[in-house]
PDB file of all heavy atoms in Angstrom:
ATOM      1  N   TRP A   1      -1.670  -0.861 -10.491  1.00  0.00           N
ATOM      2  CA  TRP A   1      -1.175  -2.276 -10.062  1.00  0.00           C
ATOM      3  C   TRP A   1      -2.424  -3.066  -9.740  1.00  0.00           C
ATOM      4  O   TRP A   1      -3.496  -2.617  -9.426  1.00  0.00           O
ATOM      5  CB  TRP A   1      -0.412  -2.064  -8.734  1.00  0.00           C
ATOM      6  CG  TRP A   1       0.885  -1.268  -8.769  1.00  0.00           C
ATOM      7  CD1 TRP A   1       1.474  -0.726  -9.868  1.00  0.00           C
ATOM      8  CD2 TRP A   1       1.746  -1.092  -7.713  1.00  0.00           C
ATOM      9  NE1 TRP A   1       2.591  -0.066  -9.582  1.00  0.00           N
ATOM     10  CE2 TRP A   1       2.782  -0.292  -8.205  1.00  0.00           C
ATOM     11  CE3 TRP A   1       1.768  -1.424  -6.352  1.00  0.00           C
ATOM     12  CZ2 TRP A   1       3.927   0.159  -7.374  1.00  0.00           C
ATOM     13  CZ3 TRP A   1       2.773  -0.962  -5.505  1.00  0.00           C
ATOM     14  CH2 TRP A   1       3.843  -0.206  -6.076  1.00  0.00           C
ATOM     15  N   LEU A   2      -2.232  -4.465 -10.032  1.00  0.00           N
ATOM     16  CA  LEU A   2      -3.188  -5.322  -9.485  1.00  0.00           C
ATOM     17  C   LEU A   2      -2.981  -5.613  -8.079  1.00  0.00           C
ATOM     18  O   LEU A   2      -1.816  -5.876  -7.647  1.00  0.00           O
ATOM     19  CB  LEU A   2      -3.110  -6.662 -10.342  1.00  0.00           C
ATOM     20  CG  LEU A   2      -3.791  -6.518 -11.751  1.00  0.00           C
ATOM     21  CD1 LEU A   2      -3.442  -7.849 -12.469  1.00  0.00           C
ATOM     22  CD2 LEU A   2      -5.252  -6.312 -11.715  1.00  0.00           C
ATOM     23  N   ALA A   3      -4.077  -5.732  -7.248  1.00  0.00           N
ATOM     24  CA  ALA A   3      -4.000  -5.884  -5.843  1.00  0.00           C
ATOM     25  C   ALA A   3      -3.735  -7.381  -5.542  1.00  0.00           C
ATOM     26  O   ALA A   3      -4.045  -8.280  -6.411  1.00  0.00           O
ATOM     27  CB  ALA A   3      -5.169  -5.447  -5.098  1.00  0.00           C
ATOM     28  N   SER A   4      -3.242  -7.700  -4.365  1.00  0.00           N
ATOM     29  CA  SER A   4      -3.113  -8.974  -3.867  1.00  0.00           C
ATOM     30  C   SER A   4      -4.446  -9.756  -3.706  1.00  0.00           C
ATOM     31  O   SER A   4      -5.254  -9.278  -2.925  1.00  0.00           O
ATOM     32  CB  SER A   4      -2.414  -8.969  -2.584  1.00  0.00           C
ATOM     33  OG  SER A   4      -2.364 -10.308  -1.981  1.00  0.00           O
ATOM     34  N   ALA A   5      -4.734 -10.652  -4.669  1.00  0.00           N
ATOM     35  CA  ALA A   5      -6.037 -11.318  -4.771  1.00  0.00           C
ATOM     36  C   ALA A   5      -5.943 -12.476  -5.717  1.00  0.00           C
ATOM     37  O   ALA A   5      -4.879 -12.715  -6.325  1.00  0.00           O
ATOM     38  CB  ALA A   5      -7.034 -10.153  -5.178  1.00  0.00           C
ATOM     39  N   PRO A   6      -7.117 -13.095  -6.004  1.00  0.00           N
ATOM     40  CA  PRO A   6      -6.991 -14.211  -7.044  1.00  0.00           C
ATOM     41  C   PRO A   6      -6.371 -13.850  -8.441  1.00  0.00           C
ATOM     42  O   PRO A   6      -5.744 -14.621  -9.012  1.00  0.00           O
ATOM     43  CB  PRO A   6      -8.469 -14.576  -7.225  1.00  0.00           C
ATOM     44  CG  PRO A   6      -9.120 -14.262  -5.905  1.00  0.00           C
ATOM     45  CD  PRO A   6      -8.413 -13.010  -5.412  1.00  0.00           C
ATOM     46  N   PRO A   7      -6.497 -12.583  -8.926  1.00  0.00           N
ATOM     47  CA  PRO A   7      -5.935 -12.290 -10.234  1.00  0.00           C
ATOM     48  C   PRO A   7      -4.403 -12.333 -10.209  1.00  0.00           C
ATOM     49  O   PRO A   7      -3.733 -12.309 -11.332  1.00  0.00           O
ATOM     50  CB  PRO A   7      -6.412 -10.905 -10.559  1.00  0.00           C
ATOM     51  CG  PRO A   7      -7.668 -10.804  -9.683  1.00  0.00           C
ATOM     52  CD  PRO A   7      -7.480 -11.560  -8.411  1.00  0.00           C
ATOM     53  N   THR A   8      -3.776 -12.433  -8.988  1.00  0.00           N
ATOM     54  CA  THR A   8      -2.274 -12.444  -9.034  1.00  0.00           C
ATOM     55  C   THR A   8      -1.757 -13.676  -8.282  1.00  0.00           C
ATOM     56  O   THR A   8      -0.698 -13.495  -7.681  1.00  0.00           O
ATOM     57  CB  THR A   8      -1.775 -11.136  -8.192  1.00  0.00           C
ATOM     58  OG1 THR A   8      -2.292 -11.123  -6.853  1.00  0.00           O
ATOM     59  CG2 THR A   8      -2.318  -9.883  -8.921  1.00  0.00           C
ATOM     60  N   ASP A   9      -2.431 -14.717  -8.342  1.00  0.00           N
ATOM     61  CA  ASP A   9      -1.985 -15.901  -7.574  1.00  0.00           C
ATOM     62  C   ASP A   9      -1.083 -16.797  -8.275  1.00  0.00           C
ATOM     63  O   ASP A   9      -0.593 -17.754  -7.698  1.00  0.00           O
ATOM     64  CB  ASP A   9      -3.177 -16.630  -7.149  1.00  0.00           C
ATOM     65  CG  ASP A   9      -3.897 -17.466  -8.172  1.00  0.00           C
ATOM     66  OD1 ASP A   9      -3.723 -17.187  -9.365  1.00  0.00           O
ATOM     67  OD2 ASP A   9      -4.631 -18.475  -7.712  1.00  0.00           O
ATOM     68  N   LYS A  10      -0.729 -16.524  -9.651  1.00  0.00           N
ATOM     69  CA  LYS A  10       0.228 -17.359 -10.314  1.00  0.00           C
ATOM     70  C   LYS A  10       0.757 -16.648 -11.395  1.00  0.00           C
ATOM     71  O   LYS A  10       0.224 -15.630 -11.900  1.00  0.00           O
ATOM     72  CB  LYS A  10      -0.351 -18.791 -10.744  1.00  0.00           C
ATOM     73  CG  LYS A  10      -1.677 -18.612 -11.454  1.00  0.00           C
ATOM     74  CD  LYS A  10      -2.272 -19.995 -11.748  1.00  0.00           C
ATOM     75  CE  LYS A  10      -3.655 -20.061 -12.330  1.00  0.00           C
ATOM     76  NZ  LYS A  10      -4.651 -19.334 -11.532  1.00  0.00           N
ATOM     77  N   ALA A  11       1.905 -17.197 -11.894  1.00  0.00           N
ATOM     78  CA  ALA A  11       2.670 -16.574 -13.059  1.00  0.00           C
ATOM     79  C   ALA A  11       1.739 -16.368 -14.278  1.00  0.00           C
ATOM     80  O   ALA A  11       1.854 -15.319 -14.972  1.00  0.00           O
ATOM     81  CB  ALA A  11       3.886 -17.416 -13.366  1.00  0.00           C
ATOM     82  N   TYR A  12       0.944 -17.457 -14.647  1.00  0.00           N
ATOM     83  CA  TYR A  12       0.093 -17.236 -15.848  1.00  0.00           C
ATOM     84  C   TYR A  12      -0.819 -15.962 -15.775  1.00  0.00           C
ATOM     85  O   TYR A  12      -0.727 -15.174 -16.781  1.00  0.00           O
ATOM     86  CB  TYR A  12      -0.768 -18.497 -16.080  1.00  0.00           C
ATOM     87  CG  TYR A  12      -1.636 -18.388 -17.216  1.00  0.00           C
ATOM     88  CD1 TYR A  12      -1.238 -18.785 -18.450  1.00  0.00           C
ATOM     89  CD2 TYR A  12      -3.107 -17.983 -17.095  1.00  0.00           C
ATOM     90  CE1 TYR A  12      -2.040 -18.797 -19.518  1.00  0.00           C
ATOM     91  CE2 TYR A  12      -3.918 -17.960 -18.145  1.00  0.00           C
ATOM     92  CZ  TYR A  12      -3.345 -18.352 -19.431  1.00  0.00           C
ATOM     93  OH  TYR A  12      -4.231 -18.227 -20.472  1.00  0.00           O
ATOM     94  N   ASN A  13      -1.403 -15.763 -14.699  1.00  0.00           N
ATOM     95  CA  ASN A  13      -2.282 -14.547 -14.594  1.00  0.00           C
ATOM     96  C   ASN A  13      -1.444 -13.257 -14.522  1.00  0.00           C
ATOM     97  O   ASN A  13      -1.843 -12.306 -15.342  1.00  0.00           O
ATOM     98  CB  ASN A  13      -3.044 -14.575 -13.258  1.00  0.00           C
ATOM     99  CG  ASN A  13      -3.904 -15.728 -12.999  1.00  0.00           C
ATOM    100  OD1 ASN A  13      -3.396 -16.856 -13.028  1.00  0.00           O
ATOM    101  ND2 ASN A  13      -5.136 -15.513 -12.901  1.00  0.00           N
ATOM    102  N   VAL A  14      -0.369 -13.233 -13.960  1.00  0.00           N
ATOM    103  CA  VAL A  14       0.481 -11.992 -13.801  1.00  0.00           C
ATOM    104  C   VAL A  14       1.129 -11.701 -15.136  1.00  0.00           C
ATOM    105  O   VAL A  14       1.177 -10.503 -15.554  1.00  0.00           O
ATOM    106  CB  VAL A  14       1.543 -12.160 -12.786  1.00  0.00           C
ATOM    107  CG1 VAL A  14       2.605 -11.006 -12.715  1.00  0.00           C
ATOM    108  CG2 VAL A  14       0.953 -12.299 -11.327  1.00  0.00           C
ATOM    109  N   VAL A  15       1.557 -12.766 -15.838  1.00  0.00           N
ATOM    110  CA  VAL A  15       2.070 -12.439 -17.278  1.00  0.00           C
ATOM    111  C   VAL A  15       1.039 -11.812 -18.280  1.00  0.00           C
ATOM    112  O   VAL A  15       1.263 -10.919 -18.888  1.00  0.00           O
ATOM    113  CB  VAL A  15       2.701 -13.837 -17.779  1.00  0.00           C
ATOM    114  CG1 VAL A  15       3.082 -13.586 -19.329  1.00  0.00           C
ATOM    115  CG2 VAL A  15       3.991 -14.109 -17.019  1.00  0.00           C
ATOM    116  N   ARG A  16      -0.187 -12.489 -18.077  1.00  0.00           N
ATOM    117  CA  ARG A  16      -1.290 -11.908 -18.902  1.00  0.00           C
ATOM    118  C   ARG A  16      -1.546 -10.403 -18.584  1.00  0.00           C
ATOM    119  O   ARG A  16      -1.811  -9.572 -19.384  1.00  0.00           O
ATOM    120  CB  ARG A  16      -2.520 -12.693 -18.703  1.00  0.00           C
ATOM    121  CG  ARG A  16      -2.559 -14.039 -19.561  1.00  0.00           C
ATOM    122  CD  ARG A  16      -3.848 -14.705 -19.232  1.00  0.00           C
ATOM    123  NE  ARG A  16      -4.990 -14.021 -19.637  1.00  0.00           N
ATOM    124  CZ  ARG A  16      -5.526 -13.998 -20.941  1.00  0.00           C
ATOM    125  NH1 ARG A  16      -4.868 -14.706 -21.892  1.00  0.00           N
ATOM    126  NH2 ARG A  16      -6.586 -13.294 -21.212  1.00  0.00           N
ATOM    127  N   ALA A  17      -1.406 -10.172 -17.217  1.00  0.00           N
ATOM    128  CA  ALA A  17      -1.677  -8.843 -16.757  1.00  0.00           C
ATOM    129  C   ALA A  17      -0.681  -7.896 -17.341  1.00  0.00           C
ATOM    130  O   ALA A  17      -0.949  -6.659 -17.791  1.00  0.00           O
ATOM    131  CB  ALA A  17      -1.792  -8.706 -15.298  1.00  0.00           C
ATOM    132  N   PHE A  18       0.596  -8.270 -17.219  1.00  0.00           N
ATOM    133  CA  PHE A  18       1.759  -7.409 -17.753  1.00  0.00           C
ATOM    134  C   PHE A  18       1.673  -7.179 -19.313  1.00  0.00           C
ATOM    135  O   PHE A  18       1.917  -6.160 -19.815  1.00  0.00           O
ATOM    136  CB  PHE A  18       3.032  -7.991 -17.392  1.00  0.00           C
ATOM    137  CG  PHE A  18       3.475  -7.832 -15.926  1.00  0.00           C
ATOM    138  CD1 PHE A  18       4.396  -8.523 -15.299  1.00  0.00           C
ATOM    139  CD2 PHE A  18       2.749  -6.925 -15.127  1.00  0.00           C
ATOM    140  CE1 PHE A  18       4.758  -8.441 -14.029  1.00  0.00           C
ATOM    141  CE2 PHE A  18       3.062  -6.691 -13.840  1.00  0.00           C
ATOM    142  CZ  PHE A  18       4.070  -7.526 -13.272  1.00  0.00           C
ATOM    143  N   GLU A  19       1.241  -8.221 -19.964  1.00  0.00           N
ATOM    144  CA  GLU A  19       1.015  -8.095 -21.435  1.00  0.00           C
ATOM    145  C   GLU A  19      -0.089  -7.170 -21.776  1.00  0.00           C
ATOM    146  O   GLU A  19      -0.048  -6.504 -22.703  1.00  0.00           O
ATOM    147  CB  GLU A  19       0.646  -9.519 -22.035  1.00  0.00           C
ATOM    148  CG  GLU A  19       1.900 -10.457 -22.021  1.00  0.00           C
ATOM    149  CD  GLU A  19       1.481 -11.962 -22.454  1.00  0.00           C
ATOM    150  OE1 GLU A  19       0.258 -12.196 -22.507  1.00  0.00           O
ATOM    151  OE2 GLU A  19       2.478 -12.698 -22.829  1.00  0.00           O
ATOM    152  N   ALA A  20      -1.112  -7.090 -20.852  1.00  0.00           N
ATOM    153  CA  ALA A  20      -2.216  -6.191 -21.056  1.00  0.00           C
ATOM    154  C   ALA A  20      -1.856  -4.701 -20.763  1.00  0.00           C
ATOM    155  O   ALA A  20      -2.588  -3.722 -21.200  1.00  0.00           O
ATOM    156  CB  ALA A  20      -3.388  -6.585 -20.214  1.00  0.00           C
ATOM    157  N   GLY A  21      -0.659  -4.527 -19.990  1.00  0.00           N
ATOM    158  CA  GLY A  21      -0.205  -3.192 -19.792  1.00  0.00           C
ATOM    159  C   GLY A  21      -0.171  -2.676 -18.434  1.00  0.00           C
ATOM    160  O   GLY A  21       0.042  -1.510 -18.029  1.00  0.00           O
ATOM    161  N   TRP A  22      -0.494  -3.556 -17.330  1.00  0.00           N
ATOM    162  CA  TRP A  22      -0.577  -3.194 -15.964  1.00  0.00           C
ATOM    163  C   TRP A  22       0.891  -2.746 -15.552  1.00  0.00           C
ATOM    164  O   TRP A  22       1.867  -3.511 -15.919  1.00  0.00           O
ATOM    165  CB  TRP A  22      -1.055  -4.362 -15.043  1.00  0.00           C
ATOM    166  CG  TRP A  22      -2.516  -4.515 -15.280  1.00  0.00           C
ATOM    167  CD1 TRP A  22      -3.159  -5.334 -16.209  1.00  0.00           C
ATOM    168  CD2 TRP A  22      -3.655  -3.915 -14.576  1.00  0.00           C
ATOM    169  NE1 TRP A  22      -4.518  -5.146 -16.081  1.00  0.00           N
ATOM    170  CE2 TRP A  22      -4.881  -4.362 -15.041  1.00  0.00           C
ATOM    171  CE3 TRP A  22      -3.660  -2.992 -13.457  1.00  0.00           C
ATOM    172  CZ2 TRP A  22      -6.070  -3.999 -14.626  1.00  0.00           C
ATOM    173  CZ3 TRP A  22      -4.897  -2.578 -12.993  1.00  0.00           C
ATOM    174  CH2 TRP A  22      -6.039  -3.100 -13.562  1.00  0.00           C
ATOM    175  N   GLY A  23       0.943  -1.808 -14.688  1.00  0.00           N
ATOM    176  CA  GLY A  23       2.225  -1.359 -14.244  1.00  0.00           C
ATOM    177  C   GLY A  23       2.935  -2.011 -13.189  1.00  0.00           C
ATOM    178  O   GLY A  23       4.091  -2.010 -13.024  1.00  0.00           O
ATOM    179  N   GLY A  24       2.106  -2.843 -12.426  1.00  0.00           N
ATOM    180  CA  GLY A  24       2.712  -3.747 -11.452  1.00  0.00           C
ATOM    181  C   GLY A  24       1.637  -4.636 -10.780  1.00  0.00           C
ATOM    182  O   GLY A  24       0.483  -4.566 -11.152  1.00  0.00           O
ATOM    183  N   VAL A  25       2.085  -5.562  -9.964  1.00  0.00           N
ATOM    184  CA  VAL A  25       1.192  -6.409  -9.214  1.00  0.00           C
ATOM    185  C   VAL A  25       1.648  -6.562  -7.806  1.00  0.00           C
ATOM    186  O   VAL A  25       2.817  -6.402  -7.473  1.00  0.00           O
ATOM    187  CB  VAL A  25       1.087  -7.862  -9.868  1.00  0.00           C
ATOM    188  CG1 VAL A  25       0.675  -7.744 -11.271  1.00  0.00           C
ATOM    189  CG2 VAL A  25       2.472  -8.604  -9.774  1.00  0.00           C
ATOM    190  N   VAL A  26       0.647  -6.854  -6.946  1.00  0.00           N
ATOM    191  CA  VAL A  26       1.068  -7.347  -5.620  1.00  0.00           C
ATOM    192  C   VAL A  26       0.625  -8.816  -5.531  1.00  0.00           C
ATOM    193  O   VAL A  26      -0.551  -9.207  -5.682  1.00  0.00           O
ATOM    194  CB  VAL A  26       0.281  -6.570  -4.540  1.00  0.00           C
ATOM    195  CG1 VAL A  26       0.741  -7.005  -3.154  1.00  0.00           C
ATOM    196  CG2 VAL A  26       0.636  -5.024  -4.615  1.00  0.00           C
ATOM    197  N   TRP A  27       1.579  -9.702  -5.551  1.00  0.00           N
ATOM    198  CA  TRP A  27       1.394 -11.114  -5.663  1.00  0.00           C
ATOM    199  C   TRP A  27       0.500 -11.597  -4.584  1.00  0.00           C
ATOM    200  O   TRP A  27       0.570 -11.165  -3.503  1.00  0.00           O
ATOM    201  CB  TRP A  27       2.705 -11.954  -5.616  1.00  0.00           C
ATOM    202  CG  TRP A  27       2.684 -13.280  -6.204  1.00  0.00           C
ATOM    203  CD1 TRP A  27       2.358 -14.465  -5.555  1.00  0.00           C
ATOM    204  CD2 TRP A  27       3.060 -13.779  -7.463  1.00  0.00           C
ATOM    205  NE1 TRP A  27       2.386 -15.495  -6.373  1.00  0.00           N
ATOM    206  CE2 TRP A  27       2.851 -15.052  -7.627  1.00  0.00           C
ATOM    207  CE3 TRP A  27       3.657 -13.057  -8.592  1.00  0.00           C
ATOM    208  CZ2 TRP A  27       3.187 -15.814  -8.692  1.00  0.00           C
ATOM    209  CZ3 TRP A  27       3.958 -13.770  -9.725  1.00  0.00           C
ATOM    210  CH2 TRP A  27       3.790 -15.190  -9.788  1.00  0.00           C
ATOM    211  N   LYS A  28      -0.457 -12.480  -4.830  1.00  0.00           N
ATOM    212  CA  LYS A  28      -1.389 -12.927  -3.849  1.00  0.00           C
ATOM    213  C   LYS A  28      -0.579 -13.373  -2.644  1.00  0.00           C
ATOM    214  O   LYS A  28       0.443 -14.058  -2.584  1.00  0.00           O
ATOM    215  CB  LYS A  28      -2.189 -14.116  -4.334  1.00  0.00           C
ATOM    216  CG  LYS A  28      -3.254 -14.529  -3.377  1.00  0.00           C
ATOM    217  CD  LYS A  28      -4.315 -15.485  -3.863  1.00  0.00           C
ATOM    218  CE  LYS A  28      -5.362 -15.788  -2.770  1.00  0.00           C
ATOM    219  NZ  LYS A  28      -6.307 -16.802  -3.194  1.00  0.00           N
ATOM    220  N   THR A  29      -1.160 -13.149  -1.485  1.00  0.00           N
ATOM    221  CA  THR A  29      -0.495 -13.332  -0.151  1.00  0.00           C
ATOM    222  C   THR A  29       0.049 -14.693   0.038  1.00  0.00           C
ATOM    223  O   THR A  29      -0.612 -15.697  -0.166  1.00  0.00           O
ATOM    224  CB  THR A  29      -1.494 -12.974   0.973  1.00  0.00           C
ATOM    225  OG1 THR A  29      -2.083 -11.793   0.834  1.00  0.00           O
ATOM    226  CG2 THR A  29      -0.793 -12.981   2.286  1.00  0.00           C
ATOM    227  N   LEU A  30       1.344 -14.722   0.411  1.00  0.00           N
ATOM    228  CA  LEU A  30       2.100 -15.940   0.740  1.00  0.00           C
ATOM    229  C   LEU A  30       1.993 -16.174   2.203  1.00  0.00           C
ATOM    230  O   LEU A  30       2.176 -15.265   3.041  1.00  0.00           O
ATOM    231  CB  LEU A  30       3.555 -15.949   0.183  1.00  0.00           C
ATOM    232  CG  LEU A  30       3.728 -15.531  -1.268  1.00  0.00           C
ATOM    233  CD1 LEU A  30       5.284 -15.608  -1.623  1.00  0.00           C
ATOM    234  CD2 LEU A  30       2.822 -16.381  -2.241  1.00  0.00           C
ATOM    235  N   GLY A  31       2.136 -17.377   2.543  1.00  0.00           N
ATOM    236  CA  GLY A  31       2.316 -17.827   4.003  1.00  0.00           C
ATOM    237  C   GLY A  31       3.363 -19.024   3.995  1.00  0.00           C
ATOM    238  O   GLY A  31       3.797 -19.479   3.003  1.00  0.00           O
ATOM    239  N   LEU A  32       3.681 -19.350   5.248  1.00  0.00           N
ATOM    240  CA  LEU A  32       4.560 -20.500   5.392  1.00  0.00           C
ATOM    241  C   LEU A  32       3.903 -21.829   5.107  1.00  0.00           C
ATOM    242  O   LEU A  32       2.641 -21.860   5.309  1.00  0.00           O
ATOM    243  CB  LEU A  32       5.142 -20.588   6.808  1.00  0.00           C
ATOM    244  CG  LEU A  32       6.119 -19.261   7.130  1.00  0.00           C
ATOM    245  CD1 LEU A  32       6.362 -19.260   8.586  1.00  0.00           C
ATOM    246  CD2 LEU A  32       7.457 -19.364   6.405  1.00  0.00           C
TER     247      LEU A  32
END
């Protein structure tokens, strides 16, 4: 999985990660 960090801060990055074969992501930390 990709950890919660800059590589998982938006859909573009996460989709590229999934296309590369990553099994999962922890989306970059959300707040109110």
